[in-house]
Amino acid sequence: MIPANVMEPMNEDYVQTARAKGASESRVTKTHILRNALLPIVTILGMDIGILLGGAIFTESAFGLPGLGKTAVSALDGFDLPTMQGIVVFSTVAIIALNLIVDLRYAWIDPRIRLT
């Protein structure tokens, strides 16, 4: 995904302008190309957080690994409501916190995005 996102802005006007002004190729790549290429990647990572937690349930159950997913399945099988509520609350807080981190990274990657 990164090479596809890097190739797209290489011929944009702002990249050619930076090269014309005498910026080094490493500075153009780091400042102009990579920052714009990282935004879709960070977005995808933010959306995949919930999928990773959901995938843990299937992976741990299938392979018998100890962890949060196997505990959730055991709690669901045994009608253990407090444990299930704890897992759901923990997962929700983790997803919200990691999405907050992703949103804060947007402002760090692209200074045009302002946090107000």
N, C-alpha and C. Protein backbone atom coordinates (compact mmCIF):
# COMPACT_ATOMS: atom_id res chain seq x y z
N MET A 1 0.82 -1.19 0.00
CA MET A 1 0.00 0.00 0.00
C MET A 1 0.87 1.27 0.00
N ILE A 2 2.00 1.21 0.66
CA ILE A 2 2.87 2.39 0.72
C ILE A 2 3.42 2.76 -0.66
N PRO A 3 3.94 1.81 -1.45
CA PRO A 3 4.44 2.20 -2.77
C PRO A 3 3.36 2.81 -3.67
N ALA A 4 2.15 2.31 -3.58
CA ALA A 4 1.07 2.87 -4.40
C ALA A 4 0.76 4.30 -3.96
N ASN A 5 0.78 4.55 -2.66
CA ASN A 5 0.50 5.90 -2.17
C ASN A 5 1.67 6.85 -2.41
N VAL A 6 2.88 6.32 -2.51
CA VAL A 6 4.04 7.18 -2.77
C VAL A 6 4.11 7.58 -4.25
N MET A 7 3.74 6.67 -5.13
CA MET A 7 3.83 6.95 -6.56
C MET A 7 2.86 8.03 -7.01
N GLU A 8 1.70 8.09 -6.35
CA GLU A 8 0.67 9.04 -6.76
C GLU A 8 1.10 10.51 -6.66
N PRO A 9 1.65 10.96 -5.52
CA PRO A 9 1.98 12.39 -5.43
C PRO A 9 3.33 12.78 -6.03
N MET A 10 4.07 11.85 -6.62
CA MET A 10 5.41 12.18 -7.12
C MET A 10 5.39 13.20 -8.26
N ASN A 11 4.32 13.27 -9.01
CA ASN A 11 4.23 14.22 -10.12
C ASN A 11 3.30 15.38 -9.84
N GLU A 12 2.93 15.56 -8.58
CA GLU A 12 2.06 16.68 -8.22
C GLU A 12 2.84 18.00 -8.32
N ASP A 13 2.09 19.08 -8.43
CA ASP A 13 2.70 20.40 -8.60
C ASP A 13 3.55 20.81 -7.40
N TYR A 14 3.08 20.53 -6.18
CA TYR A 14 3.83 20.96 -5.01
C TYR A 14 5.17 20.22 -4.89
N VAL A 15 5.25 18.98 -5.37
CA VAL A 15 6.50 18.23 -5.35
C VAL A 15 7.47 18.80 -6.39
N GLN A 16 6.95 19.08 -7.57
CA GLN A 16 7.80 19.66 -8.62
C GLN A 16 8.27 21.06 -8.22
N THR A 17 7.41 21.82 -7.53
CA THR A 17 7.81 23.15 -7.07
C THR A 17 8.93 23.05 -6.03
N ALA A 18 8.82 22.09 -5.12
CA ALA A 18 9.87 21.92 -4.11
C ALA A 18 11.20 21.54 -4.77
N ARG A 19 11.13 20.67 -5.78
CA ARG A 19 12.36 20.32 -6.50
C ARG A 19 12.92 21.52 -7.25
N ALA A 20 12.04 22.33 -7.85
CA ALA A 20 12.49 23.50 -8.60
C ALA A 20 13.12 24.55 -7.69
N LYS A 21 12.68 24.62 -6.46
CA LYS A 21 13.25 25.58 -5.52
C LYS A 21 14.59 25.13 -4.96
N GLY A 22 15.00 23.89 -5.30
CA GLY A 22 16.32 23.42 -4.90
C GLY A 22 16.34 22.54 -3.68
N ALA A 23 15.19 22.06 -3.25
CA ALA A 23 15.16 21.15 -2.09
C ALA A 23 15.80 19.82 -2.49
N SER A 24 16.52 19.23 -1.55
CA SER A 24 17.16 17.94 -1.84
C SER A 24 16.09 16.86 -2.03
N GLU A 25 16.48 15.80 -2.71
CA GLU A 25 15.51 14.74 -3.00
C GLU A 25 15.03 14.05 -1.73
N SER A 26 15.92 13.90 -0.75
CA SER A 26 15.50 13.28 0.51
C SER A 26 14.51 14.16 1.27
N ARG A 27 14.72 15.47 1.21
CA ARG A 27 13.78 16.39 1.88
C ARG A 27 12.42 16.40 1.17
N VAL A 28 12.45 16.36 -0.16
CA VAL A 28 11.19 16.32 -0.92
C VAL A 28 10.45 15.03 -0.60
N THR A 29 11.18 13.92 -0.56
CA THR A 29 10.55 12.63 -0.28
C THR A 29 9.97 12.59 1.13
N LYS A 30 10.76 13.02 2.10
CA LYS A 30 10.32 12.96 3.50
C LYS A 30 9.22 13.96 3.79
N THR A 31 9.40 15.19 3.40
CA THR A 31 8.47 16.25 3.79
C THR A 31 7.22 16.29 2.94
N HIS A 32 7.36 16.11 1.65
CA HIS A 32 6.22 16.32 0.76
C HIS A 32 5.52 15.02 0.36
N ILE A 33 6.30 14.01 0.04
CA ILE A 33 5.69 12.79 -0.50
C ILE A 33 5.25 11.85 0.62
N LEU A 34 6.14 11.51 1.56
CA LEU A 34 5.80 10.53 2.58
C LEU A 34 4.70 11.00 3.52
N ARG A 35 4.70 12.27 3.86
CA ARG A 35 3.65 12.75 4.75
C ARG A 35 2.27 12.60 4.12
N ASN A 36 2.16 12.88 2.84
CA ASN A 36 0.87 12.71 2.17
C ASN A 36 0.55 11.24 1.94
N ALA A 37 1.57 10.41 1.79
CA ALA A 37 1.34 8.97 1.57
C ALA A 37 0.95 8.26 2.87
N LEU A 38 1.35 8.80 4.01
CA LEU A 38 1.07 8.14 5.28
C LEU A 38 -0.37 8.32 5.76
N LEU A 39 -1.07 9.35 5.31
CA LEU A 39 -2.43 9.57 5.79
C LEU A 39 -3.37 8.40 5.52
N PRO A 40 -3.43 7.85 4.30
CA PRO A 40 -4.32 6.69 4.10
C PRO A 40 -3.88 5.46 4.89
N ILE A 41 -2.58 5.30 5.10
CA ILE A 41 -2.08 4.15 5.83
C ILE A 41 -2.48 4.24 7.30
N VAL A 42 -2.36 5.42 7.88
CA VAL A 42 -2.77 5.62 9.27
C VAL A 42 -4.28 5.42 9.41
N THR A 43 -5.04 5.84 8.42
CA THR A 43 -6.49 5.64 8.44
C THR A 43 -6.82 4.16 8.45
N ILE A 44 -6.17 3.38 7.60
CA ILE A 44 -6.42 1.95 7.54
C ILE A 44 -6.02 1.28 8.86
N LEU A 45 -4.92 1.69 9.44
CA LEU A 45 -4.50 1.11 10.72
C LEU A 45 -5.51 1.41 11.81
N GLY A 46 -6.07 2.62 11.79
CA GLY A 46 -7.08 2.97 12.78
C GLY A 46 -8.33 2.13 12.65
N MET A 47 -8.72 1.82 11.43
CA MET A 47 -9.91 1.01 11.21
C MET A 47 -9.65 -0.47 11.52
N ASP A 48 -8.43 -0.91 11.41
CA ASP A 48 -8.10 -2.31 11.63
C ASP A 48 -7.97 -2.70 13.10
N ILE A 49 -8.00 -1.74 13.99
CA ILE A 49 -7.83 -2.04 15.42
C ILE A 49 -8.94 -2.96 15.92
N GLY A 50 -10.18 -2.64 15.59
CA GLY A 50 -11.30 -3.48 16.00
C GLY A 50 -11.25 -4.85 15.36
N ILE A 51 -10.81 -4.90 14.12
CA ILE A 51 -10.71 -6.19 13.42
C ILE A 51 -9.66 -7.07 14.09
N LEU A 52 -8.56 -6.47 14.54
CA LEU A 52 -7.52 -7.25 15.23
C LEU A 52 -8.03 -7.84 16.54
N LEU A 53 -8.80 -7.06 17.28
CA LEU A 53 -9.35 -7.60 18.53
C LEU A 53 -10.36 -8.70 18.25
N GLY A 54 -11.17 -8.54 17.21
CA GLY A 54 -12.12 -9.58 16.83
C GLY A 54 -11.42 -10.82 16.32
N GLY A 55 -10.34 -10.65 15.59
CA GLY A 55 -9.58 -11.79 15.09
C GLY A 55 -8.90 -12.57 16.20
N ALA A 56 -8.61 -11.90 17.31
CA ALA A 56 -7.99 -12.59 18.44
C ALA A 56 -8.92 -13.65 19.01
N ILE A 57 -10.21 -13.39 18.97
CA ILE A 57 -11.18 -14.37 19.49
C ILE A 57 -11.10 -15.66 18.69
N PHE A 58 -11.10 -15.53 17.36
CA PHE A 58 -11.06 -16.73 16.52
C PHE A 58 -9.71 -17.44 16.60
N THR A 59 -8.63 -16.68 16.59
CA THR A 59 -7.29 -17.28 16.62
C THR A 59 -7.04 -18.02 17.92
N GLU A 60 -7.37 -17.37 19.03
CA GLU A 60 -7.12 -18.01 20.32
C GLU A 60 -8.02 -19.22 20.55
N SER A 61 -9.24 -19.15 20.04
CA SER A 61 -10.15 -20.30 20.18
C SER A 61 -9.70 -21.47 19.30
N ALA A 62 -9.28 -21.17 18.09
CA ALA A 62 -8.90 -22.23 17.16
C ALA A 62 -7.61 -22.94 17.60
N PHE A 63 -6.65 -22.18 18.10
CA PHE A 63 -5.36 -22.77 18.45
C PHE A 63 -5.20 -23.03 19.94
N GLY A 64 -6.22 -22.72 20.73
CA GLY A 64 -6.15 -22.98 22.17
C GLY A 64 -5.17 -22.10 22.90
N LEU A 65 -4.94 -20.92 22.40
CA LEU A 65 -4.00 -20.00 23.04
C LEU A 65 -4.69 -19.25 24.18
N PRO A 66 -3.99 -19.02 25.29
CA PRO A 66 -4.60 -18.23 26.36
C PRO A 66 -4.59 -16.75 25.98
N GLY A 67 -5.64 -16.06 26.33
CA GLY A 67 -5.70 -14.64 26.03
C GLY A 67 -7.10 -14.10 26.20
N LEU A 68 -7.28 -12.86 25.81
CA LEU A 68 -8.55 -12.17 25.97
C LEU A 68 -9.65 -12.81 25.13
N GLY A 69 -9.32 -13.25 23.93
CA GLY A 69 -10.31 -13.88 23.06
C GLY A 69 -10.83 -15.19 23.62
N LYS A 70 -9.93 -16.02 24.10
CA LYS A 70 -10.35 -17.30 24.68
C LYS A 70 -11.14 -17.07 25.96
N THR A 71 -10.75 -16.08 26.73
CA THR A 71 -11.50 -15.75 27.95
C THR A 71 -12.91 -15.29 27.59
N ALA A 72 -13.04 -14.51 26.52
CA ALA A 72 -14.36 -14.05 26.09
C ALA A 72 -15.23 -15.22 25.66
N VAL A 73 -14.68 -16.16 24.94
CA VAL A 73 -15.46 -17.33 24.51
C VAL A 73 -15.85 -18.18 25.71
N SER A 74 -14.95 -18.36 26.65
CA SER A 74 -15.25 -19.14 27.86
C SER A 74 -16.33 -18.45 28.68
N ALA A 75 -16.26 -17.14 28.80
CA ALA A 75 -17.27 -16.39 29.55
C ALA A 75 -18.62 -16.46 28.86
N LEU A 76 -18.62 -16.43 27.54
CA LEU A 76 -19.86 -16.52 26.80
C LEU A 76 -20.48 -17.91 26.93
N ASP A 77 -19.66 -18.95 26.87
CA ASP A 77 -20.16 -20.32 27.02
C ASP A 77 -20.71 -20.57 28.43
N GLY A 78 -20.07 -19.99 29.43
CA GLY A 78 -20.49 -20.21 30.82
C GLY A 78 -21.45 -19.17 31.34
N PHE A 79 -21.97 -18.30 30.49
CA PHE A 79 -22.89 -17.23 30.90
C PHE A 79 -22.32 -16.40 32.04
N ASP A 80 -21.04 -16.10 31.96
CA ASP A 80 -20.34 -15.31 32.98
C ASP A 80 -20.45 -13.84 32.60
N LEU A 81 -21.53 -13.21 33.05
CA LEU A 81 -21.82 -11.84 32.64
C LEU A 81 -20.78 -10.81 33.10
N PRO A 82 -20.32 -10.83 34.36
CA PRO A 82 -19.32 -9.82 34.77
C PRO A 82 -18.03 -9.89 33.95
N THR A 83 -17.56 -11.11 33.67
CA THR A 83 -16.34 -11.23 32.87
C THR A 83 -16.57 -10.72 31.45
N MET A 84 -17.72 -11.06 30.88
CA MET A 84 -18.03 -10.61 29.52
C MET A 84 -18.15 -9.09 29.46
N GLN A 85 -18.78 -8.49 30.47
CA GLN A 85 -18.89 -7.03 30.52
C GLN A 85 -17.51 -6.39 30.64
N GLY A 86 -16.64 -6.97 31.45
CA GLY A 86 -15.29 -6.44 31.59
C GLY A 86 -14.52 -6.49 30.29
N ILE A 87 -14.66 -7.58 29.55
CA ILE A 87 -13.96 -7.71 28.27
C ILE A 87 -14.50 -6.71 27.26
N VAL A 88 -15.82 -6.54 27.23
CA VAL A 88 -16.42 -5.58 26.29
C VAL A 88 -16.01 -4.15 26.64
N VAL A 89 -16.02 -3.81 27.93
CA VAL A 89 -15.62 -2.45 28.34
C VAL A 89 -14.14 -2.22 28.03
N PHE A 90 -13.30 -3.21 28.34
CA PHE A 90 -11.87 -3.06 28.05
C PHE A 90 -11.62 -2.90 26.56
N SER A 91 -12.28 -3.72 25.75
CA SER A 91 -12.10 -3.64 24.29
C SER A 91 -12.58 -2.29 23.76
N THR A 92 -13.69 -1.81 24.27
CA THR A 92 -14.22 -0.51 23.83
C THR A 92 -13.27 0.63 24.19
N VAL A 93 -12.77 0.61 25.41
CA VAL A 93 -11.83 1.65 25.83
C VAL A 93 -10.54 1.57 25.02
N ALA A 94 -10.07 0.36 24.73
CA ALA A 94 -8.86 0.21 23.93
C ALA A 94 -9.06 0.74 22.51
N ILE A 95 -10.19 0.44 21.90
CA ILE A 95 -10.46 0.92 20.55
C ILE A 95 -10.58 2.44 20.53
N ILE A 96 -11.26 3.02 21.51
CA ILE A 96 -11.40 4.47 21.57
C ILE A 96 -10.04 5.14 21.79
N ALA A 97 -9.23 4.60 22.69
CA ALA A 97 -7.91 5.18 22.96
C ALA A 97 -7.01 5.09 21.74
N LEU A 98 -7.01 3.96 21.07
CA LEU A 98 -6.15 3.81 19.90
C LEU A 98 -6.64 4.68 18.73
N ASN A 99 -7.94 4.86 18.59
CA ASN A 99 -8.44 5.78 17.57
C ASN A 99 -8.09 7.23 17.89
N LEU A 100 -8.05 7.58 19.18
CA LEU A 100 -7.61 8.91 19.57
C LEU A 100 -6.14 9.11 19.19
N ILE A 101 -5.32 8.09 19.42
CA ILE A 101 -3.91 8.17 19.04
C ILE A 101 -3.77 8.34 17.53
N VAL A 102 -4.59 7.61 16.76
CA VAL A 102 -4.56 7.74 15.30
C VAL A 102 -4.93 9.16 14.89
N ASP A 103 -5.96 9.73 15.52
CA ASP A 103 -6.37 11.10 15.18
C ASP A 103 -5.29 12.12 15.54
N LEU A 104 -4.60 11.90 16.65
CA LEU A 104 -3.51 12.80 17.02
C LEU A 104 -2.34 12.68 16.05
N ARG A 105 -2.13 11.49 15.52
CA ARG A 105 -1.07 11.29 14.53
C ARG A 105 -1.36 12.03 13.24
N TYR A 106 -2.65 12.21 12.92
CA TYR A 106 -3.00 12.97 11.72
C TYR A 106 -2.40 14.38 11.79
N ALA A 107 -2.54 15.03 12.93
CA ALA A 107 -2.01 16.39 13.07
C ALA A 107 -0.49 16.40 13.02
N TRP A 108 0.16 15.35 13.49
CA TRP A 108 1.61 15.28 13.44
C TRP A 108 2.10 15.04 12.02
N ILE A 109 1.39 14.18 11.28
CA ILE A 109 1.79 13.86 9.91
C ILE A 109 1.53 15.03 8.97
N ASP A 110 0.34 15.61 9.06
CA ASP A 110 -0.06 16.67 8.15
C ASP A 110 -0.38 17.93 8.94
N PRO A 111 0.49 18.94 8.91
CA PRO A 111 0.25 20.15 9.72
C PRO A 111 -0.95 20.96 9.26
N ARG A 112 -1.48 20.65 8.08
CA ARG A 112 -2.69 21.37 7.63
C ARG A 112 -3.90 20.98 8.46
N ILE A 113 -3.84 19.83 9.11
CA ILE A 113 -4.94 19.37 9.96
C ILE A 113 -4.72 19.97 11.34
N ARG A 114 -5.70 20.71 11.81
CA ARG A 114 -5.58 21.37 13.11
C ARG A 114 -6.50 20.69 14.11
N LEU A 115 -6.03 20.51 15.33
CA LEU A 115 -6.83 19.97 16.41
C LEU A 115 -7.43 21.14 17.18
N THR A 116 -8.75 21.25 17.12
CA THR A 116 -9.40 22.36 17.84
C THR A 116 -10.37 21.84 18.86
